Amino acid sequence: MSDFDAIGKQFVDFYYQTFDSNRSGLASLYRDVSMMTWEGSQFRGSENILEKIVSLPFQRVAHKLTTIDVQPSLPNVKAAIIVVTGQLLVDEETKPQQYTQMFQLVEDNGYFIYNDVFRLNYA
């Protein structure tokens, strides 16, 4: 396993465990330069991103990861692209929804999320 694979796995485990239990705990992963696209709507900066995440219209969520792919992404900078596919259950739903999420992590005194793109996969 490469360093980037280990970083990606550790990040993904932390991100989804935190998302599922305490979404406001994700604040430290974003910076003012971060950007998130959630179902086509764009948000820039940690405050706007966190506001969107904590205001999502469900109380409970559980992610089940299917795949995680990690690649180094920028020359001369420690950075990684992470693509995750999986299923999520929200509130009382019994039928999971399929999703894809892509992150670009950049190292700056620890890794932070520079880009975050989330899409539900409708069949």
PDB file of N, CA and C in Angstrom:
ATOM      1  N   MET A   1       0.849  -1.185   0.000  1.00  0.00           N
ATOM      2  CA  MET A   1       0.000   0.000   0.000  1.00  0.00           C
ATOM      3  C   MET A   1       0.891   1.244   0.000  1.00  0.00           C
ATOM      4  N   SER A   2       0.616   2.166  -0.909  1.00  0.00           N
ATOM      5  CA  SER A   2       1.417   3.389  -0.967  1.00  0.00           C
ATOM      6  C   SER A   2       1.024   4.340   0.156  1.00  0.00           C
ATOM      7  N   ASP A   3       1.870   5.345   0.372  1.00  0.00           N
ATOM      8  CA  ASP A   3       1.543   6.363   1.376  1.00  0.00           C
ATOM      9  C   ASP A   3       0.203   7.017   1.064  1.00  0.00           C
ATOM     10  N   PHE A   4      -0.041   7.282  -0.236  1.00  0.00           N
ATOM     11  CA  PHE A   4      -1.295   7.937  -0.604  1.00  0.00           C
ATOM     12  C   PHE A   4      -2.491   7.030  -0.334  1.00  0.00           C
ATOM     13  N   ASP A   5      -2.342   5.725  -0.561  1.00  0.00           N
ATOM     14  CA  ASP A   5      -3.431   4.797  -0.238  1.00  0.00           C
ATOM     15  C   ASP A   5      -3.740   4.836   1.255  1.00  0.00           C
ATOM     16  N   ALA A   6      -2.702   4.831   2.081  1.00  0.00           N
ATOM     17  CA  ALA A   6      -2.889   4.864   3.529  1.00  0.00           C
ATOM     18  C   ALA A   6      -3.531   6.177   3.963  1.00  0.00           C
ATOM     19  N   ILE A   7      -3.065   7.284   3.405  1.00  0.00           N
ATOM     20  CA  ILE A   7      -3.640   8.596   3.724  1.00  0.00           C
ATOM     21  C   ILE A   7      -5.110   8.629   3.315  1.00  0.00           C
ATOM     22  N   GLY A   8      -5.394   8.138   2.110  1.00  0.00           N
ATOM     23  CA  GLY A   8      -6.767   8.127   1.612  1.00  0.00           C
ATOM     24  C   GLY A   8      -7.687   7.295   2.478  1.00  0.00           C
ATOM     25  N   LYS A   9      -7.248   6.108   2.860  1.00  0.00           N
ATOM     26  CA  LYS A   9      -8.057   5.220   3.694  1.00  0.00           C
ATOM     27  C   LYS A   9      -8.309   5.856   5.062  1.00  0.00           C
ATOM     28  N   GLN A  10      -7.264   6.400   5.657  1.00  0.00           N
ATOM     29  CA  GLN A  10      -7.406   7.035   6.967  1.00  0.00           C
ATOM     30  C   GLN A  10      -8.363   8.228   6.888  1.00  0.00           C
ATOM     31  N   PHE A  11      -8.217   9.050   5.847  1.00  0.00           N
ATOM     32  CA  PHE A  11      -9.093  10.203   5.663  1.00  0.00           C
ATOM     33  C   PHE A  11     -10.545   9.759   5.502  1.00  0.00           C
ATOM     34  N   VAL A  12     -10.787   8.804   4.603  1.00  0.00           N
ATOM     35  CA  VAL A  12     -12.151   8.360   4.315  1.00  0.00           C
ATOM     36  C   VAL A  12     -12.808   7.778   5.568  1.00  0.00           C
ATOM     37  N   ASP A  13     -12.074   6.968   6.313  1.00  0.00           N
ATOM     38  CA  ASP A  13     -12.625   6.415   7.557  1.00  0.00           C
ATOM     39  C   ASP A  13     -13.049   7.539   8.505  1.00  0.00           C
ATOM     40  N   PHE A  14     -12.160   8.523   8.703  1.00  0.00           N
ATOM     41  CA  PHE A  14     -12.466   9.631   9.600  1.00  0.00           C
ATOM     42  C   PHE A  14     -13.640  10.455   9.080  1.00  0.00           C
ATOM     43  N   TYR A  15     -13.617  10.802   7.791  1.00  0.00           N
ATOM     44  CA  TYR A  15     -14.641  11.670   7.211  1.00  0.00           C
ATOM     45  C   TYR A  15     -16.039  11.072   7.391  1.00  0.00           C
ATOM     46  N   TYR A  16     -16.211   9.821   6.974  1.00  0.00           N
ATOM     47  CA  TYR A  16     -17.561   9.243   7.020  1.00  0.00           C
ATOM     48  C   TYR A  16     -17.998   8.883   8.435  1.00  0.00           C
ATOM     49  N   GLN A  17     -17.102   8.479   9.303  1.00  0.00           N
ATOM     50  CA  GLN A  17     -17.480   8.245  10.697  1.00  0.00           C
ATOM     51  C   GLN A  17     -17.947   9.547  11.340  1.00  0.00           C
ATOM     52  N   THR A  18     -17.235  10.635  11.035  1.00  0.00           N
ATOM     53  CA  THR A  18     -17.603  11.934  11.587  1.00  0.00           C
ATOM     54  C   THR A  18     -18.890  12.452  10.960  1.00  0.00           C
ATOM     55  N   PHE A  19     -19.024  12.312   9.631  1.00  0.00           N
ATOM     56  CA  PHE A  19     -20.243  12.753   8.948  1.00  0.00           C
ATOM     57  C   PHE A  19     -21.461  12.047   9.542  1.00  0.00           C
ATOM     58  N   ASP A  20     -21.337  10.748   9.791  1.00  0.00           N
ATOM     59  CA  ASP A  20     -22.466   9.959  10.274  1.00  0.00           C
ATOM     60  C   ASP A  20     -22.803  10.237  11.728  1.00  0.00           C
ATOM     61  N   SER A  21     -21.854  10.732  12.518  1.00  0.00           N
ATOM     62  CA  SER A  21     -22.099  10.892  13.951  1.00  0.00           C
ATOM     63  C   SER A  21     -22.160  12.347  14.420  1.00  0.00           C
ATOM     64  N   ASN A  22     -21.426  13.254  13.737  1.00  0.00           N
ATOM     65  CA  ASN A  22     -21.339  14.646  14.203  1.00  0.00           C
ATOM     66  C   ASN A  22     -20.838  15.522  13.057  1.00  0.00           C
ATOM     67  N   ARG A  23     -21.737  15.886  12.150  1.00  0.00           N
ATOM     68  CA  ARG A  23     -21.327  16.611  10.940  1.00  0.00           C
ATOM     69  C   ARG A  23     -20.543  17.884  11.229  1.00  0.00           C
ATOM     70  N   SER A  24     -20.838  18.566  12.314  1.00  0.00           N
ATOM     71  CA  SER A  24     -20.092  19.793  12.619  1.00  0.00           C
ATOM     72  C   SER A  24     -18.626  19.497  12.926  1.00  0.00           C
ATOM     73  N   GLY A  25     -18.298  18.263  13.245  1.00  0.00           N
ATOM     74  CA  GLY A  25     -16.919  17.861  13.493  1.00  0.00           C
ATOM     75  C   GLY A  25     -16.049  17.853  12.250  1.00  0.00           C
ATOM     76  N   LEU A  26     -16.646  18.063  11.088  1.00  0.00           N
ATOM     77  CA  LEU A  26     -15.881  18.111   9.827  1.00  0.00           C
ATOM     78  C   LEU A  26     -15.251  19.473   9.580  1.00  0.00           C
ATOM     79  N   ALA A  27     -15.544  20.458  10.395  1.00  0.00           N
ATOM     80  CA  ALA A  27     -15.094  21.840  10.168  1.00  0.00           C
ATOM     81  C   ALA A  27     -13.587  21.939   9.974  1.00  0.00           C
ATOM     82  N   SER A  28     -12.828  21.189  10.741  1.00  0.00           N
ATOM     83  CA  SER A  28     -11.363  21.307  10.664  1.00  0.00           C
ATOM     84  C   SER A  28     -10.781  20.772   9.366  1.00  0.00           C
ATOM     85  N   LEU A  29     -11.579  20.062   8.576  1.00  0.00           N
ATOM     86  CA  LEU A  29     -11.077  19.494   7.314  1.00  0.00           C
ATOM     87  C   LEU A  29     -11.140  20.482   6.153  1.00  0.00           C
ATOM     88  N   TYR A  30     -11.867  21.578   6.315  1.00  0.00           N
ATOM     89  CA  TYR A  30     -12.041  22.562   5.249  1.00  0.00           C
ATOM     90  C   TYR A  30     -11.320  23.855   5.621  1.00  0.00           C
ATOM     91  N   ARG A  31     -10.929  24.602   4.589  1.00  0.00           N
ATOM     92  CA  ARG A  31     -10.296  25.912   4.773  1.00  0.00           C
ATOM     93  C   ARG A  31     -11.073  26.945   3.960  1.00  0.00           C
ATOM     94  N   ASP A  32     -10.665  28.201   4.075  1.00  0.00           N
ATOM     95  CA  ASP A  32     -11.346  29.266   3.325  1.00  0.00           C
ATOM     96  C   ASP A  32     -11.202  29.105   1.818  1.00  0.00           C
ATOM     97  N   VAL A  33     -10.161  28.415   1.354  1.00  0.00           N
ATOM     98  CA  VAL A  33      -9.971  28.197  -0.086  1.00  0.00           C
ATOM     99  C   VAL A  33     -10.690  26.945  -0.584  1.00  0.00           C
ATOM    100  N   SER A  34     -11.283  26.179   0.313  1.00  0.00           N
ATOM    101  CA  SER A  34     -11.963  24.930  -0.065  1.00  0.00           C
ATOM    102  C   SER A  34     -13.210  25.221  -0.880  1.00  0.00           C
ATOM    103  N   MET A  35     -13.545  24.257  -1.768  1.00  0.00           N
ATOM    104  CA  MET A  35     -14.776  24.353  -2.536  1.00  0.00           C
ATOM    105  C   MET A  35     -15.480  23.008  -2.507  1.00  0.00           C
ATOM    106  N   MET A  36     -16.805  23.050  -2.366  1.00  0.00           N
ATOM    107  CA  MET A  36     -17.624  21.849  -2.400  1.00  0.00           C
ATOM    108  C   MET A  36     -18.736  22.044  -3.418  1.00  0.00           C
ATOM    109  N   THR A  37     -18.978  21.008  -4.227  1.00  0.00           N
ATOM    110  CA  THR A  37     -20.146  20.963  -5.094  1.00  0.00           C
ATOM    111  C   THR A  37     -21.019  19.829  -4.581  1.00  0.00           C
ATOM    112  N   TRP A  38     -22.235  20.163  -4.162  1.00  0.00           N
ATOM    113  CA  TRP A  38     -23.169  19.187  -3.608  1.00  0.00           C
ATOM    114  C   TRP A  38     -24.381  19.140  -4.519  1.00  0.00           C
ATOM    115  N   GLU A  39     -24.508  18.044  -5.261  1.00  0.00           N
ATOM    116  CA  GLU A  39     -25.639  17.891  -6.176  1.00  0.00           C
ATOM    117  C   GLU A  39     -25.783  19.098  -7.102  1.00  0.00           C
ATOM    118  N   GLY A  40     -24.651  19.620  -7.599  1.00  0.00           N
ATOM    119  CA  GLY A  40     -24.650  20.713  -8.561  1.00  0.00           C
ATOM    120  C   GLY A  40     -24.585  22.114  -7.975  1.00  0.00           C
ATOM    121  N   SER A  41     -24.773  22.259  -6.677  1.00  0.00           N
ATOM    122  CA  SER A  41     -24.681  23.573  -6.027  1.00  0.00           C
ATOM    123  C   SER A  41     -23.286  23.744  -5.438  1.00  0.00           C
ATOM    124  N   GLN A  42     -22.678  24.907  -5.701  1.00  0.00           N
ATOM    125  CA  GLN A  42     -21.301  25.140  -5.258  1.00  0.00           C
ATOM    126  C   GLN A  42     -21.253  26.005  -4.004  1.00  0.00           C
ATOM    127  N   PHE A  43     -20.295  25.652  -3.141  1.00  0.00           N
ATOM    128  CA  PHE A  43     -20.071  26.370  -1.888  1.00  0.00           C
ATOM    129  C   PHE A  43     -18.574  26.584  -1.741  1.00  0.00           C
ATOM    130  N   ARG A  44     -18.159  27.800  -1.359  1.00  0.00           N
ATOM    131  CA  ARG A  44     -16.732  28.106  -1.189  1.00  0.00           C
ATOM    132  C   ARG A  44     -16.485  28.563   0.244  1.00  0.00           C
ATOM    133  N   GLY A  45     -15.401  28.063   0.811  1.00  0.00           N
ATOM    134  CA  GLY A  45     -14.997  28.459   2.152  1.00  0.00           C
ATOM    135  C   GLY A  45     -15.565  27.548   3.222  1.00  0.00           C
ATOM    136  N   SER A  46     -14.794  27.362   4.272  1.00  0.00           N
ATOM    137  CA  SER A  46     -15.166  26.407   5.316  1.00  0.00           C
ATOM    138  C   SER A  46     -16.512  26.736   5.966  1.00  0.00           C
ATOM    139  N   GLU A  47     -16.782  28.004   6.193  1.00  0.00           N
ATOM    140  CA  GLU A  47     -18.039  28.384   6.850  1.00  0.00           C
ATOM    141  C   GLU A  47     -19.254  28.023   5.999  1.00  0.00           C
ATOM    142  N   ASN A  48     -19.210  28.347   4.699  1.00  0.00           N
ATOM    143  CA  ASN A  48     -20.330  28.041   3.801  1.00  0.00           C
ATOM    144  C   ASN A  48     -20.497  26.543   3.601  1.00  0.00           C
ATOM    145  N   ILE A  49     -19.387  25.829   3.502  1.00  0.00           N
ATOM    146  CA  ILE A  49     -19.447  24.377   3.312  1.00  0.00           C
ATOM    147  C   ILE A  49     -20.054  23.720   4.548  1.00  0.00           C
ATOM    148  N   LEU A  50     -19.576  24.093   5.710  1.00  0.00           N
ATOM    149  CA  LEU A  50     -20.092  23.486   6.933  1.00  0.00           C
ATOM    150  C   LEU A  50     -21.568  23.819   7.131  1.00  0.00           C
ATOM    151  N   GLU A  51     -21.956  25.038   6.802  1.00  0.00           N
ATOM    152  CA  GLU A  51     -23.366  25.420   6.905  1.00  0.00           C
ATOM    153  C   GLU A  51     -24.230  24.492   6.052  1.00  0.00           C
ATOM    154  N   LYS A  52     -23.782  24.193   4.837  1.00  0.00           N
ATOM    155  CA  LYS A  52     -24.518  23.284   3.957  1.00  0.00           C
ATOM    156  C   LYS A  52     -24.580  21.879   4.550  1.00  0.00           C
ATOM    157  N   ILE A  53     -23.445  21.377   5.004  1.00  0.00           N
ATOM    158  CA  ILE A  53     -23.385  20.006   5.518  1.00  0.00           C
ATOM    159  C   ILE A  53     -24.287  19.819   6.736  1.00  0.00           C
ATOM    160  N   VAL A  54     -24.237  20.738   7.679  1.00  0.00           N
ATOM    161  CA  VAL A  54     -25.045  20.567   8.898  1.00  0.00           C
ATOM    162  C   VAL A  54     -26.527  20.844   8.655  1.00  0.00           C
ATOM    163  N   SER A  55     -26.871  21.538   7.558  1.00  0.00           N
ATOM    164  CA  SER A  55     -28.279  21.842   7.278  1.00  0.00           C
ATOM    165  C   SER A  55     -28.944  20.821   6.354  1.00  0.00           C
ATOM    166  N   LEU A  56     -28.254  19.757   6.018  1.00  0.00           N
ATOM    167  CA  LEU A  56     -28.868  18.735   5.166  1.00  0.00           C
ATOM    168  C   LEU A  56     -30.119  18.199   5.856  1.00  0.00           C
ATOM    169  N   PRO A  57     -31.172  17.912   5.069  1.00  0.00           N
ATOM    170  CA  PRO A  57     -32.504  17.656   5.657  1.00  0.00           C
ATOM    171  C   PRO A  57     -32.712  16.237   6.188  1.00  0.00           C
ATOM    172  N   PHE A  58     -31.770  15.735   6.953  1.00  0.00           N
ATOM    173  CA  PHE A  58     -31.970  14.446   7.602  1.00  0.00           C
ATOM    174  C   PHE A  58     -31.282  14.481   8.957  1.00  0.00           C
ATOM    175  N   GLN A  59     -31.776  13.647   9.846  1.00  0.00           N
ATOM    176  CA  GLN A  59     -31.213  13.585  11.199  1.00  0.00           C
ATOM    177  C   GLN A  59     -30.141  12.512  11.313  1.00  0.00           C
ATOM    178  N   ARG A  60     -30.406  11.351  10.706  1.00  0.00           N
ATOM    179  CA  ARG A  60     -29.467  10.235  10.788  1.00  0.00           C
ATOM    180  C   ARG A  60     -29.019   9.834   9.392  1.00  0.00           C
ATOM    181  N   VAL A  61     -27.773   9.430   9.289  1.00  0.00           N
ATOM    182  CA  VAL A  61     -27.244   8.945   8.019  1.00  0.00           C
ATOM    183  C   VAL A  61     -26.205   7.874   8.318  1.00  0.00           C
ATOM    184  N   ALA A  62     -26.139   6.889   7.426  1.00  0.00           N
ATOM    185  CA  ALA A  62     -25.125   5.837   7.541  1.00  0.00           C
ATOM    186  C   ALA A  62     -24.562   5.576   6.143  1.00  0.00           C
ATOM    187  N   HIS A  63     -23.247   5.735   6.009  1.00  0.00           N
ATOM    188  CA  HIS A  63     -22.566   5.473   4.745  1.00  0.00           C
ATOM    189  C   HIS A  63     -22.003   4.055   4.754  1.00  0.00           C
ATOM    190  N   LYS A  64     -22.144   3.367   3.639  1.00  0.00           N
ATOM    191  CA  LYS A  64     -21.497   2.064   3.439  1.00  0.00           C
ATOM    192  C   LYS A  64     -20.638   2.199   2.181  1.00  0.00           C
ATOM    193  N   LEU A  65     -19.328   2.118   2.370  1.00  0.00           N
ATOM    194  CA  LEU A  65     -18.407   2.330   1.254  1.00  0.00           C
ATOM    195  C   LEU A  65     -18.307   1.083   0.396  1.00  0.00           C
ATOM    196  N   THR A  66     -18.279   1.306  -0.931  1.00  0.00           N
ATOM    197  CA  THR A  66     -18.118   0.210  -1.880  1.00  0.00           C
ATOM    198  C   THR A  66     -16.704   0.201  -2.438  1.00  0.00           C
ATOM    199  N   THR A  67     -16.232   1.371  -2.929  1.00  0.00           N
ATOM    200  CA  THR A  67     -14.879   1.473  -3.473  1.00  0.00           C
ATOM    201  C   THR A  67     -14.211   2.751  -3.000  1.00  0.00           C
ATOM    202  N   ILE A  68     -12.884   2.697  -2.898  1.00  0.00           N
ATOM    203  CA  ILE A  68     -12.059   3.869  -2.613  1.00  0.00           C
ATOM    204  C   ILE A  68     -10.872   3.808  -3.553  1.00  0.00           C
ATOM    205  N   ASP A  69     -10.694   4.846  -4.363  1.00  0.00           N
ATOM    206  CA  ASP A  69      -9.543   4.946  -5.261  1.00  0.00           C
ATOM    207  C   ASP A  69      -8.772   6.207  -4.915  1.00  0.00           C
ATOM    208  N   VAL A  70      -7.452   6.085  -4.821  1.00  0.00           N
ATOM    209  CA  VAL A  70      -6.604   7.204  -4.418  1.00  0.00           C
ATOM    210  C   VAL A  70      -5.459   7.340  -5.411  1.00  0.00           C
ATOM    211  N   GLN A  71      -5.170   8.580  -5.816  1.00  0.00           N
ATOM    212  CA  GLN A  71      -4.022   8.883  -6.678  1.00  0.00           C
ATOM    213  C   GLN A  71      -3.355  10.165  -6.195  1.00  0.00           C
ATOM    214  N   PRO A  72      -2.009  10.245  -6.308  1.00  0.00           N
ATOM    215  CA  PRO A  72      -1.367  11.550  -6.100  1.00  0.00           C
ATOM    216  C   PRO A  72      -1.850  12.481  -7.204  1.00  0.00           C
ATOM    217  N   SER A  73      -1.958  13.802  -6.907  1.00  0.00           N
ATOM    218  CA  SER A  73      -2.613  14.660  -7.899  1.00  0.00           C
ATOM    219  C   SER A  73      -1.835  15.872  -8.391  1.00  0.00           C
ATOM    220  N   LEU A  74      -0.969  16.451  -7.614  1.00  0.00           N
ATOM    221  CA  LEU A  74      -0.298  17.674  -8.055  1.00  0.00           C
ATOM    222  C   LEU A  74       1.213  17.504  -7.996  1.00  0.00           C
ATOM    223  N   PRO A  75       1.924  17.908  -9.043  1.00  0.00           N
ATOM    224  CA  PRO A  75       3.385  17.848  -8.966  1.00  0.00           C
ATOM    225  C   PRO A  75       3.897  18.916  -7.998  1.00  0.00           C
ATOM    226  N   ASN A  76       4.942  18.608  -7.281  1.00  0.00           N
ATOM    227  CA  ASN A  76       5.596  19.545  -6.357  1.00  0.00           C
ATOM    228  C   ASN A  76       4.772  19.914  -5.126  1.00  0.00           C
ATOM    229  N   VAL A  77       3.630  19.261  -4.938  1.00  0.00           N
ATOM    230  CA  VAL A  77       2.784  19.499  -3.765  1.00  0.00           C
ATOM    231  C   VAL A  77       2.269  18.144  -3.304  1.00  0.00           C
ATOM    232  N   LYS A  78       2.246  17.921  -2.003  1.00  0.00           N
ATOM    233  CA  LYS A  78       1.635  16.700  -1.501  1.00  0.00           C
ATOM    234  C   LYS A  78       0.124  16.864  -1.601  1.00  0.00           C
ATOM    235  N   ALA A  79      -0.472  16.141  -2.519  1.00  0.00           N
ATOM    236  CA  ALA A  79      -1.910  16.229  -2.735  1.00  0.00           C
ATOM    237  C   ALA A  79      -2.408  14.901  -3.279  1.00  0.00           C
ATOM    238  N   ALA A  80      -3.677  14.607  -3.039  1.00  0.00           N
ATOM    239  CA  ALA A  80      -4.256  13.341  -3.483  1.00  0.00           C
ATOM    240  C   ALA A  80      -5.696  13.554  -3.924  1.00  0.00           C
ATOM    241  N   ILE A  81      -6.075  12.792  -4.940  1.00  0.00           N
ATOM    242  CA  ILE A  81      -7.466  12.694  -5.374  1.00  0.00           C
ATOM    243  C   ILE A  81      -8.014  11.395  -4.794  1.00  0.00           C
ATOM    244  N   ILE A  82      -9.186  11.467  -4.190  1.00  0.00           N
ATOM    245  CA  ILE A  82      -9.842  10.287  -3.627  1.00  0.00           C
ATOM    246  C   ILE A  82     -11.244  10.215  -4.218  1.00  0.00           C
ATOM    247  N   VAL A  83     -11.583   9.079  -4.798  1.00  0.00           N
ATOM    248  CA  VAL A  83     -12.926   8.863  -5.339  1.00  0.00           C
ATOM    249  C   VAL A  83     -13.559   7.715  -4.558  1.00  0.00           C
ATOM    250  N   VAL A  84     -14.749   7.986  -4.024  1.00  0.00           N
ATOM    251  CA  VAL A  84     -15.461   7.021  -3.195  1.00  0.00           C
ATOM    252  C   VAL A  84     -16.811   6.737  -3.838  1.00  0.00           C
ATOM    253  N   THR A  85     -17.178   5.471  -3.901  1.00  0.00           N
ATOM    254  CA  THR A  85     -18.544   5.100  -4.258  1.00  0.00           C
ATOM    255  C   THR A  85     -19.120   4.320  -3.087  1.00  0.00           C
ATOM    256  N   GLY A  86     -20.434   4.388  -2.958  1.00  0.00           N
ATOM    257  CA  GLY A  86     -21.045   3.661  -1.859  1.00  0.00           C
ATOM    258  C   GLY A  86     -22.542   3.834  -1.823  1.00  0.00           C
ATOM    259  N   GLN A  87     -23.091   3.452  -0.682  1.00  0.00           N
ATOM    260  CA  GLN A  87     -24.512   3.550  -0.430  1.00  0.00           C
ATOM    261  C   GLN A  87     -24.722   4.335   0.856  1.00  0.00           C
ATOM    262  N   LEU A  88     -25.852   5.027   0.926  1.00  0.00           N
ATOM    263  CA  LEU A  88     -26.185   5.703   2.177  1.00  0.00           C
ATOM    264  C   LEU A  88     -27.653   5.516   2.497  1.00  0.00           C
ATOM    265  N   LEU A  89     -27.900   5.419   3.777  1.00  0.00           N
ATOM    266  CA  LEU A  89     -29.260   5.341   4.303  1.00  0.00           C
ATOM    267  C   LEU A  89     -29.494   6.566   5.169  1.00  0.00           C
ATOM    268  N   VAL A  90     -30.631   7.231   4.957  1.00  0.00           N
ATOM    269  CA  VAL A  90     -30.948   8.393   5.775  1.00  0.00           C
ATOM    270  C   VAL A  90     -32.245   8.154   6.533  1.00  0.00           C
ATOM    271  N   ASP A  91     -32.252   8.628   7.770  1.00  0.00           N
ATOM    272  CA  ASP A  91     -33.403   8.549   8.659  1.00  0.00           C
ATOM    273  C   ASP A  91     -34.017   7.147   8.658  1.00  0.00           C
ATOM    274  N   GLU A  92     -35.285   7.028   8.314  1.00  0.00           N
ATOM    275  CA  GLU A  92     -35.987   5.740   8.389  1.00  0.00           C
ATOM    276  C   GLU A  92     -36.025   4.988   7.067  1.00  0.00           C
ATOM    277  N   GLU A  93     -35.302   5.449   6.062  1.00  0.00           N
ATOM    278  CA  GLU A  93     -35.328   4.764   4.769  1.00  0.00           C
ATOM    279  C   GLU A  93     -34.768   3.356   4.899  1.00  0.00           C
ATOM    280  N   THR A  94     -35.305   2.452   4.073  1.00  0.00           N
ATOM    281  CA  THR A  94     -34.798   1.079   4.056  1.00  0.00           C
ATOM    282  C   THR A  94     -34.097   0.748   2.748  1.00  0.00           C
ATOM    283  N   LYS A  95     -34.301   1.589   1.741  1.00  0.00           N
ATOM    284  CA  LYS A  95     -33.641   1.374   0.452  1.00  0.00           C
ATOM    285  C   LYS A  95     -32.454   2.335   0.355  1.00  0.00           C
ATOM    286  N   PRO A  96     -31.222   1.809   0.284  1.00  0.00           N
ATOM    287  CA  PRO A  96     -30.058   2.702   0.229  1.00  0.00           C
ATOM    288  C   PRO A  96     -29.980   3.470  -1.091  1.00  0.00           C
ATOM    289  N   GLN A  97     -29.415   4.661  -1.022  1.00  0.00           N
ATOM    290  CA  GLN A  97     -29.153   5.474  -2.204  1.00  0.00           C
ATOM    291  C   GLN A  97     -27.679   5.306  -2.587  1.00  0.00           C
ATOM    292  N   GLN A  98     -27.412   5.218  -3.884  1.00  0.00           N
ATOM    293  CA  GLN A  98     -26.043   5.113  -4.383  1.00  0.00           C
ATOM    294  C   GLN A  98     -25.454   6.510  -4.496  1.00  0.00           C
ATOM    295  N   TYR A  99     -24.165   6.646  -4.180  1.00  0.00           N
ATOM    296  CA  TYR A  99     -23.522   7.948  -4.309  1.00  0.00           C
ATOM    297  C   TYR A  99     -22.077   7.799  -4.771  1.00  0.00           C
ATOM    298  N   THR A 100     -21.551   8.907  -5.276  1.00  0.00           N
ATOM    299  CA  THR A 100     -20.138   9.045  -5.613  1.00  0.00           C
ATOM    300  C   THR A 100     -19.664  10.351  -4.993  1.00  0.00           C
ATOM    301  N   GLN A 101     -18.474  10.312  -4.389  1.00  0.00           N
ATOM    302  CA  GLN A 101     -17.898  11.531  -3.830  1.00  0.00           C
ATOM    303  C   GLN A 101     -16.418  11.570  -4.168  1.00  0.00           C
ATOM    304  N   MET A 102     -15.949  12.748  -4.574  1.00  0.00           N
ATOM    305  CA  MET A 102     -14.549  12.947  -4.923  1.00  0.00           C
ATOM    306  C   MET A 102     -13.983  14.028  -4.022  1.00  0.00           C
ATOM    307  N   PHE A 103     -12.783  13.763  -3.496  1.00  0.00           N
ATOM    308  CA  PHE A 103     -12.074  14.738  -2.682  1.00  0.00           C
ATOM    309  C   PHE A 103     -10.703  14.993  -3.293  1.00  0.00           C
ATOM    310  N   GLN A 104     -10.229  16.226  -3.210  1.00  0.00           N
ATOM    311  CA  GLN A 104      -8.818  16.504  -3.434  1.00  0.00           C
ATOM    312  C   GLN A 104      -8.280  17.022  -2.110  1.00  0.00           C
ATOM    313  N   LEU A 105      -7.322  16.280  -1.558  1.00  0.00           N
ATOM    314  CA  LEU A 105      -6.663  16.688  -0.321  1.00  0.00           C
ATOM    315  C   LEU A 105      -5.350  17.362  -0.668  1.00  0.00           C
ATOM    316  N   VAL A 106      -5.017  18.423   0.044  1.00  0.00           N
ATOM    317  CA  VAL A 106      -3.752  19.133  -0.136  1.00  0.00           C
ATOM    318  C   VAL A 106      -3.091  19.237   1.237  1.00  0.00           C
ATOM    319  N   GLU A 107      -1.790  19.006   1.276  1.00  0.00           N
ATOM    320  CA  GLU A 107      -1.047  19.058   2.528  1.00  0.00           C
ATOM    321  C   GLU A 107      -0.606  20.491   2.814  1.00  0.00           C
ATOM    322  N   ASP A 108      -0.937  20.961   4.007  1.00  0.00           N
ATOM    323  CA  ASP A 108      -0.513  22.269   4.493  1.00  0.00           C
ATOM    324  C   ASP A 108      -0.601  22.204   6.018  1.00  0.00           C
ATOM    325  N   ASN A 109       0.476  21.773   6.657  1.00  0.00           N
ATOM    326  CA  ASN A 109       0.441  21.496   8.099  1.00  0.00           C
ATOM    327  C   ASN A 109      -0.666  20.500   8.416  1.00  0.00           C
ATOM    328  N   GLY A 110      -0.683  19.407   7.688  1.00  0.00           N
ATOM    329  CA  GLY A 110      -1.747  18.407   7.740  1.00  0.00           C
ATOM    330  C   GLY A 110      -2.592  18.545   6.481  1.00  0.00           C
ATOM    331  N   TYR A 111      -3.306  17.499   6.144  1.00  0.00           N
ATOM    332  CA  TYR A 111      -4.119  17.532   4.917  1.00  0.00           C
ATOM    333  C   TYR A 111      -5.458  18.216   5.175  1.00  0.00           C
ATOM    334  N   PHE A 112      -5.923  18.967   4.173  1.00  0.00           N
ATOM    335  CA  PHE A 112      -7.257  19.554   4.223  1.00  0.00           C
ATOM    336  C   PHE A 112      -7.947  19.294   2.892  1.00  0.00           C
ATOM    337  N   ILE A 113      -9.271  19.429   2.889  1.00  0.00           N
ATOM    338  CA  ILE A 113     -10.054  19.212   1.675  1.00  0.00           C
ATOM    339  C   ILE A 113     -10.039  20.495   0.857  1.00  0.00           C
ATOM    340  N   TYR A 114      -9.413  20.424  -0.314  1.00  0.00           N
ATOM    341  CA  TYR A 114      -9.399  21.556  -1.232  1.00  0.00           C
ATOM    342  C   TYR A 114     -10.641  21.509  -2.125  1.00  0.00           C
ATOM    343  N   ASN A 115     -10.972  20.316  -2.628  1.00  0.00           N
ATOM    344  CA  ASN A 115     -12.171  20.125  -3.452  1.00  0.00           C
ATOM    345  C   ASN A 115     -12.971  18.949  -2.916  1.00  0.00           C
ATOM    346  N   ASP A 116     -14.301  19.071  -3.005  1.00  0.00           N
ATOM    347  CA  ASP A 116     -15.213  18.034  -2.549  1.00  0.00           C
ATOM    348  C   ASP A 116     -16.414  18.072  -3.507  1.00  0.00           C
ATOM    349  N   VAL A 117     -16.661  16.960  -4.199  1.00  0.00           N
ATOM    350  CA  VAL A 117     -17.791  16.886  -5.131  1.00  0.00           C
ATOM    351  C   VAL A 117     -18.632  15.670  -4.763  1.00  0.00           C
ATOM    352  N   PHE A 118     -19.931  15.896  -4.520  1.00  0.00           N
ATOM    353  CA  PHE A 118     -20.838  14.819  -4.114  1.00  0.00           C
ATOM    354  C   PHE A 118     -21.996  14.737  -5.096  1.00  0.00           C
ATOM    355  N   ARG A 119     -22.340  13.492  -5.498  1.00  0.00           N
ATOM    356  CA  ARG A 119     -23.495  13.255  -6.360  1.00  0.00           C
ATOM    357  C   ARG A 119     -24.180  11.960  -5.971  1.00  0.00           C
ATOM    358  N   LEU A 120     -25.504  12.017  -5.893  1.00  0.00           N
ATOM    359  CA  LEU A 120     -26.275  10.784  -5.819  1.00  0.00           C
ATOM    360  C   LEU A 120     -26.321  10.182  -7.212  1.00  0.00           C
ATOM    361  N   ASN A 121     -26.308   8.867  -7.291  1.00  0.00           N
ATOM    362  CA  ASN A 121     -26.362   8.164  -8.583  1.00  0.00           C
ATOM    363  C   ASN A 121     -27.765   7.601  -8.760  1.00  0.00           C
ATOM    364  N   TYR A 122     -28.519   8.224  -9.648  1.00  0.00           N
ATOM    365  CA  TYR A 122     -29.882   7.783  -9.906  1.00  0.00           C
ATOM    366  C   TYR A 122     -29.882   6.787 -11.041  1.00  0.00           C
ATOM    367  N   ALA A 123     -30.573   5.661 -10.838  1.00  0.00           N
ATOM    368  CA  ALA A 123     -30.624   4.629 -11.883  1.00  0.00           C
ATOM    369  C   ALA A 123     -31.946   4.659 -12.596  1.00  0.00           C
TER     370      ALA A 123
END
